[in-house]
Amino acid sequence: MDKDVREPSSKQALKQIQTVIHDISVLLWLGSVPKNFGDVSAGTIKADEWQSLITVYIPIALISLWANPETEFKPILDHTMSLVSAVYLACAWTMTPEQASAYHMNIASYVKNLKIIHPTFNLRPNHHTSFHIYDYLLLFSPVHSWWTFPFKHLIRVLQHLPSNHAPFFSQG
């Protein structure tokens, strides 16, 4: 069997992701992503763009490529979907103990299978930390209640306001 047939092509997957970004219609509230995702000219992807990519665009692209149960890429798709499910659950606008448990199950599956799917990959501290999100979901409820996206957005807005470098409040 030819190597290109046996191994998932990252170029093929990227092309499919770009096709999905270009071709599908999404609701206006879904954050936009660069049409040229993956190209150097796309710049740095922001956190909310990554969230849209991992919860919408990437699953559609990979399912369309690898969903056939006979393909040897199905374990890679299943592994990716564990991460997608964990992100989706963590970013939900409501949180129940059952949803927190489902998050924990999906992130555990993702981390456990990393070494199976990518034998040379070494786990990072972020993988350990991802298990603690479960505790925070139980303690503080939905992630949007305590994540930093709104604060980062506010800082970006404030940084772009015109300023003459004068104090905001005058003394006197």
C-alpha atoms as a PDB file:
ATOM      1  CA  MET A   1       0.000   0.000   0.000  1.00  0.00           C
ATOM      2  CA  ASP A   2       1.327   3.434  -0.915  1.00  0.00           C
ATOM      3  CA  LYS A   3       2.484   5.619   2.015  1.00  0.00           C
ATOM      4  CA  ASP A   4       0.181   8.501   0.964  1.00  0.00           C
ATOM      5  CA  VAL A   5      -2.804   6.135   1.149  1.00  0.00           C
ATOM      6  CA  ARG A   6      -1.922   4.717   4.594  1.00  0.00           C
ATOM      7  CA  GLU A   7      -1.043   7.916   6.457  1.00  0.00           C
ATOM      8  CA  PRO A   8      -3.400  10.842   6.820  1.00  0.00           C
ATOM      9  CA  SER A   9      -2.068  13.706   4.798  1.00  0.00           C
ATOM     10  CA  SER A  10      -1.894  16.908   6.802  1.00  0.00           C
ATOM     11  CA  LYS A  11      -2.031  18.796   3.505  1.00  0.00           C
ATOM     12  CA  GLN A  12      -5.204  16.933   2.538  1.00  0.00           C
ATOM     13  CA  ALA A  13      -6.773  17.613   5.948  1.00  0.00           C
ATOM     14  CA  LEU A  14      -5.807  21.297   5.824  1.00  0.00           C
ATOM     15  CA  LYS A  15      -7.255  21.645   2.323  1.00  0.00           C
ATOM     16  CA  GLN A  16     -10.490  20.026   3.515  1.00  0.00           C
ATOM     17  CA  ILE A  17     -10.663  22.359   6.549  1.00  0.00           C
ATOM     18  CA  GLN A  18     -10.166  25.369   4.254  1.00  0.00           C
ATOM     19  CA  THR A  19     -12.884  24.046   1.924  1.00  0.00           C
ATOM     20  CA  VAL A  20     -15.294  23.646   4.853  1.00  0.00           C
ATOM     21  CA  ILE A  21     -14.507  27.177   6.113  1.00  0.00           C
ATOM     22  CA  HIS A  22     -15.169  28.553   2.649  1.00  0.00           C
ATOM     23  CA  ASP A  23     -18.239  26.505   1.746  1.00  0.00           C
ATOM     24  CA  ILE A  24     -20.468  26.116   4.792  1.00  0.00           C
ATOM     25  CA  SER A  25     -22.970  28.649   6.008  1.00  0.00           C
ATOM     26  CA  VAL A  26     -22.954  29.312   9.733  1.00  0.00           C
ATOM     27  CA  LEU A  27     -25.051  31.358  12.101  1.00  0.00           C
ATOM     28  CA  LEU A  28     -23.873  34.932  12.570  1.00  0.00           C
ATOM     29  CA  TRP A  29     -23.093  34.450  16.260  1.00  0.00           C
ATOM     30  CA  LEU A  30     -20.426  31.859  15.464  1.00  0.00           C
ATOM     31  CA  GLY A  31     -17.025  33.510  15.522  1.00  0.00           C
ATOM     32  CA  SER A  32     -15.401  33.941  12.146  1.00  0.00           C
ATOM     33  CA  VAL A  33     -12.142  32.231  11.243  1.00  0.00           C
ATOM     34  CA  PRO A  34      -9.609  33.175   8.579  1.00  0.00           C
ATOM     35  CA  LYS A  35     -10.576  31.763   5.174  1.00  0.00           C
ATOM     36  CA  ASN A  36      -6.877  31.039   4.638  1.00  0.00           C
ATOM     37  CA  PHE A  37      -6.483  29.106   7.908  1.00  0.00           C
ATOM     38  CA  GLY A  38      -3.179  27.247   7.928  1.00  0.00           C
ATOM     39  CA  ASP A  39      -1.380  29.748   5.713  1.00  0.00           C
ATOM     40  CA  VAL A  40       1.278  32.019   7.180  1.00  0.00           C
ATOM     41  CA  SER A  41      -0.722  34.993   5.899  1.00  0.00           C
ATOM     42  CA  ALA A  42      -3.626  34.019   8.197  1.00  0.00           C
ATOM     43  CA  GLY A  43      -1.645  35.353  11.147  1.00  0.00           C
ATOM     44  CA  THR A  44      -2.046  34.198  14.711  1.00  0.00           C
ATOM     45  CA  ILE A  45      -5.330  32.471  15.455  1.00  0.00           C
ATOM     46  CA  LYS A  46      -7.112  33.913  18.502  1.00  0.00           C
ATOM     47  CA  ALA A  47      -8.674  31.762  21.235  1.00  0.00           C
ATOM     48  CA  ASP A  48     -12.268  32.304  20.084  1.00  0.00           C
ATOM     49  CA  GLU A  49     -11.250  31.401  16.522  1.00  0.00           C
ATOM     50  CA  TRP A  50      -9.662  28.171  17.801  1.00  0.00           C
ATOM     51  CA  GLN A  51     -12.889  27.413  19.641  1.00  0.00           C
ATOM     52  CA  SER A  52     -14.901  27.827  16.417  1.00  0.00           C
ATOM     53  CA  LEU A  53     -12.369  25.752  14.511  1.00  0.00           C
ATOM     54  CA  ILE A  54     -12.314  22.849  16.982  1.00  0.00           C
ATOM     55  CA  THR A  55     -16.055  22.731  17.632  1.00  0.00           C
ATOM     56  CA  VAL A  56     -17.383  23.286  14.096  1.00  0.00           C
ATOM     57  CA  TYR A  57     -15.016  23.429  11.135  1.00  0.00           C
ATOM     58  CA  ILE A  58     -12.409  20.774  11.990  1.00  0.00           C
ATOM     59  CA  PRO A  59     -14.949  18.071  12.974  1.00  0.00           C
ATOM     60  CA  ILE A  60     -16.910  18.585   9.750  1.00  0.00           C
ATOM     61  CA  ALA A  61     -13.730  18.404   7.676  1.00  0.00           C
ATOM     62  CA  LEU A  62     -12.287  15.339   9.407  1.00  0.00           C
ATOM     63  CA  ILE A  63     -15.591  13.455   9.505  1.00  0.00           C
ATOM     64  CA  SER A  64     -15.968  14.021   5.759  1.00  0.00           C
ATOM     65  CA  LEU A  65     -12.453  12.600   5.257  1.00  0.00           C
ATOM     66  CA  TRP A  66     -12.203   9.769   7.791  1.00  0.00           C
ATOM     67  CA  ALA A  67     -15.651   8.693   9.030  1.00  0.00           C
ATOM     68  CA  ASN A  68     -15.718   5.459   7.025  1.00  0.00           C
ATOM     69  CA  PRO A  69     -15.426   2.664   9.642  1.00  0.00           C
ATOM     70  CA  GLU A  70     -13.121   0.691   7.319  1.00  0.00           C
ATOM     71  CA  THR A  71     -10.548   3.463   7.098  1.00  0.00           C
ATOM     72  CA  GLU A  72      -7.481   3.152   9.265  1.00  0.00           C
ATOM     73  CA  PHE A  73      -7.859   6.850  10.126  1.00  0.00           C
ATOM     74  CA  LYS A  74     -11.000   6.193  12.172  1.00  0.00           C
ATOM     75  CA  PRO A  75      -8.987   5.915  15.454  1.00  0.00           C
ATOM     76  CA  ILE A  76      -7.467   9.338  14.721  1.00  0.00           C
ATOM     77  CA  LEU A  77     -10.932  10.761  14.099  1.00  0.00           C
ATOM     78  CA  ASP A  78     -12.286   9.190  17.305  1.00  0.00           C
ATOM     79  CA  HIS A  79      -9.323  10.577  19.253  1.00  0.00           C
ATOM     80  CA  THR A  80      -9.866  14.054  17.824  1.00  0.00           C
ATOM     81  CA  MET A  81     -13.582  13.871  18.573  1.00  0.00           C
ATOM     82  CA  SER A  82     -12.793  13.155  22.254  1.00  0.00           C
ATOM     83  CA  LEU A  83     -10.999  16.501  22.362  1.00  0.00           C
ATOM     84  CA  VAL A  84     -13.775  18.213  20.391  1.00  0.00           C
ATOM     85  CA  SER A  85     -16.378  16.855  22.820  1.00  0.00           C
ATOM     86  CA  ALA A  86     -14.354  17.959  25.848  1.00  0.00           C
ATOM     87  CA  VAL A  87     -13.958  21.492  24.462  1.00  0.00           C
ATOM     88  CA  TYR A  88     -17.637  21.674  23.523  1.00  0.00           C
ATOM     89  CA  LEU A  89     -18.708  20.558  27.001  1.00  0.00           C
ATOM     90  CA  ALA A  90     -16.268  22.860  28.791  1.00  0.00           C
ATOM     91  CA  CYS A  91     -17.489  25.842  26.775  1.00  0.00           C
ATOM     92  CA  ALA A  92     -21.215  25.144  27.242  1.00  0.00           C
ATOM     93  CA  TRP A  93     -23.319  28.021  28.552  1.00  0.00           C
ATOM     94  CA  THR A  94     -24.820  25.840  31.273  1.00  0.00           C
ATOM     95  CA  MET A  95     -23.178  23.195  33.411  1.00  0.00           C
ATOM     96  CA  THR A  96     -24.534  20.205  35.289  1.00  0.00           C
ATOM     97  CA  PRO A  97     -22.618  17.537  37.217  1.00  0.00           C
ATOM     98  CA  GLU A  98     -23.426  15.125  34.370  1.00  0.00           C
ATOM     99  CA  GLN A  99     -21.894  17.499  31.790  1.00  0.00           C
ATOM    100  CA  ALA A 100     -18.812  17.956  33.993  1.00  0.00           C
ATOM    101  CA  SER A 101     -18.477  14.159  34.216  1.00  0.00           C
ATOM    102  CA  ALA A 102     -18.832  13.859  30.444  1.00  0.00           C
ATOM    103  CA  TYR A 103     -16.066  16.481  30.073  1.00  0.00           C
ATOM    104  CA  HIS A 104     -13.858  14.445  32.422  1.00  0.00           C
ATOM    105  CA  MET A 105     -14.529  11.215  30.509  1.00  0.00           C
ATOM    106  CA  ASN A 106     -13.718  12.815  27.138  1.00  0.00           C
ATOM    107  CA  ILE A 107     -10.544  14.589  28.272  1.00  0.00           C
ATOM    108  CA  ALA A 108      -9.375  11.375  29.985  1.00  0.00           C
ATOM    109  CA  SER A 109      -9.953   9.422  26.762  1.00  0.00           C
ATOM    110  CA  TYR A 110      -8.099  12.058  24.741  1.00  0.00           C
ATOM    111  CA  VAL A 111      -5.061  12.161  27.046  1.00  0.00           C
ATOM    112  CA  LYS A 112      -4.968   8.371  27.509  1.00  0.00           C
ATOM    113  CA  ASN A 113      -4.917   7.779  23.766  1.00  0.00           C
ATOM    114  CA  LEU A 114      -2.339  10.451  22.905  1.00  0.00           C
ATOM    115  CA  LYS A 115       0.548   8.003  23.244  1.00  0.00           C
ATOM    116  CA  ILE A 116      -1.335   5.387  21.212  1.00  0.00           C
ATOM    117  CA  ILE A 117      -2.108   7.753  18.326  1.00  0.00           C
ATOM    118  CA  HIS A 118       1.201   9.671  18.575  1.00  0.00           C
ATOM    119  CA  PRO A 119       3.783   7.266  20.099  1.00  0.00           C
ATOM    120  CA  THR A 120       6.651   9.791  20.129  1.00  0.00           C
ATOM    121  CA  PHE A 121       4.626  12.590  21.732  1.00  0.00           C
ATOM    122  CA  ASN A 122       5.433  13.591  25.301  1.00  0.00           C
ATOM    123  CA  LEU A 123       2.656  14.753  27.585  1.00  0.00           C
ATOM    124  CA  ARG A 124       2.807  18.378  28.745  1.00  0.00           C
ATOM    125  CA  PRO A 125       1.711  20.073  31.985  1.00  0.00           C
ATOM    126  CA  ASN A 126      -1.375  21.361  30.110  1.00  0.00           C
ATOM    127  CA  HIS A 127      -2.600  17.791  29.779  1.00  0.00           C
ATOM    128  CA  HIS A 128      -2.485  17.381  33.553  1.00  0.00           C
ATOM    129  CA  THR A 129      -4.102  20.786  34.055  1.00  0.00           C
ATOM    130  CA  SER A 130      -6.966  19.867  31.716  1.00  0.00           C
ATOM    131  CA  PHE A 131      -8.158  17.357  34.320  1.00  0.00           C
ATOM    132  CA  HIS A 132      -8.568  20.165  36.873  1.00  0.00           C
ATOM    133  CA  ILE A 133     -11.066  21.937  34.619  1.00  0.00           C
ATOM    134  CA  TYR A 134     -13.518  19.260  35.782  1.00  0.00           C
ATOM    135  CA  ASP A 135     -13.140  20.554  39.365  1.00  0.00           C
ATOM    136  CA  TYR A 136     -13.666  24.133  38.223  1.00  0.00           C
ATOM    137  CA  LEU A 137     -16.767  23.161  36.258  1.00  0.00           C
ATOM    138  CA  LEU A 138     -18.230  21.703  39.453  1.00  0.00           C
ATOM    139  CA  LEU A 139     -17.108  24.607  41.643  1.00  0.00           C
ATOM    140  CA  PHE A 140     -17.712  27.624  39.396  1.00  0.00           C
ATOM    141  CA  SER A 141     -20.162  26.304  36.797  1.00  0.00           C
ATOM    142  CA  PRO A 142     -19.798  27.204  33.087  1.00  0.00           C
ATOM    143  CA  VAL A 143     -16.350  28.168  31.861  1.00  0.00           C
ATOM    144  CA  HIS A 144     -17.652  31.403  30.369  1.00  0.00           C
ATOM    145  CA  SER A 145     -18.228  32.566  33.966  1.00  0.00           C
ATOM    146  CA  TRP A 146     -14.522  32.528  34.744  1.00  0.00           C
ATOM    147  CA  TRP A 147     -12.533  32.405  31.488  1.00  0.00           C
ATOM    148  CA  THR A 148     -10.485  35.369  30.329  1.00  0.00           C
ATOM    149  CA  PHE A 149     -11.839  35.872  26.795  1.00  0.00           C
ATOM    150  CA  PRO A 150     -14.134  38.762  27.802  1.00  0.00           C
ATOM    151  CA  PHE A 151     -11.286  40.477  29.612  1.00  0.00           C
ATOM    152  CA  LYS A 152      -8.877  39.987  26.711  1.00  0.00           C
ATOM    153  CA  HIS A 153     -11.522  41.388  24.359  1.00  0.00           C
ATOM    154  CA  LEU A 154     -12.035  44.408  26.602  1.00  0.00           C
ATOM    155  CA  ILE A 155      -8.286  45.034  26.762  1.00  0.00           C
ATOM    156  CA  ARG A 156      -8.104  44.862  22.960  1.00  0.00           C
ATOM    157  CA  VAL A 157     -10.960  47.359  22.646  1.00  0.00           C
ATOM    158  CA  LEU A 158      -9.314  49.714  25.134  1.00  0.00           C
ATOM    159  CA  GLN A 159      -5.956  49.448  23.360  1.00  0.00           C
ATOM    160  CA  HIS A 160      -7.534  50.597  20.114  1.00  0.00           C
ATOM    161  CA  LEU A 161      -9.290  53.635  21.540  1.00  0.00           C
ATOM    162  CA  PRO A 162      -7.800  56.931  20.363  1.00  0.00           C
ATOM    163  CA  SER A 163      -5.765  58.596  23.050  1.00  0.00           C
ATOM    164  CA  ASN A 164      -3.722  61.742  23.352  1.00  0.00           C
ATOM    165  CA  HIS A 165      -1.909  60.275  26.364  1.00  0.00           C
ATOM    166  CA  ALA A 166      -3.551  62.817  28.659  1.00  0.00           C
ATOM    167  CA  PRO A 167      -4.971  61.710  32.017  1.00  0.00           C
ATOM    168  CA  PHE A 168      -8.559  60.540  31.735  1.00  0.00           C
ATOM    169  CA  PHE A 169      -9.722  62.693  34.629  1.00  0.00           C
ATOM    170  CA  SER A 170      -8.396  66.216  34.945  1.00  0.00           C
ATOM    171  CA  GLN A 171      -7.276  67.391  38.315  1.00  0.00           C
ATOM    172  CA  GLY A 172      -8.770  70.531  39.516  1.00  0.00           C
END
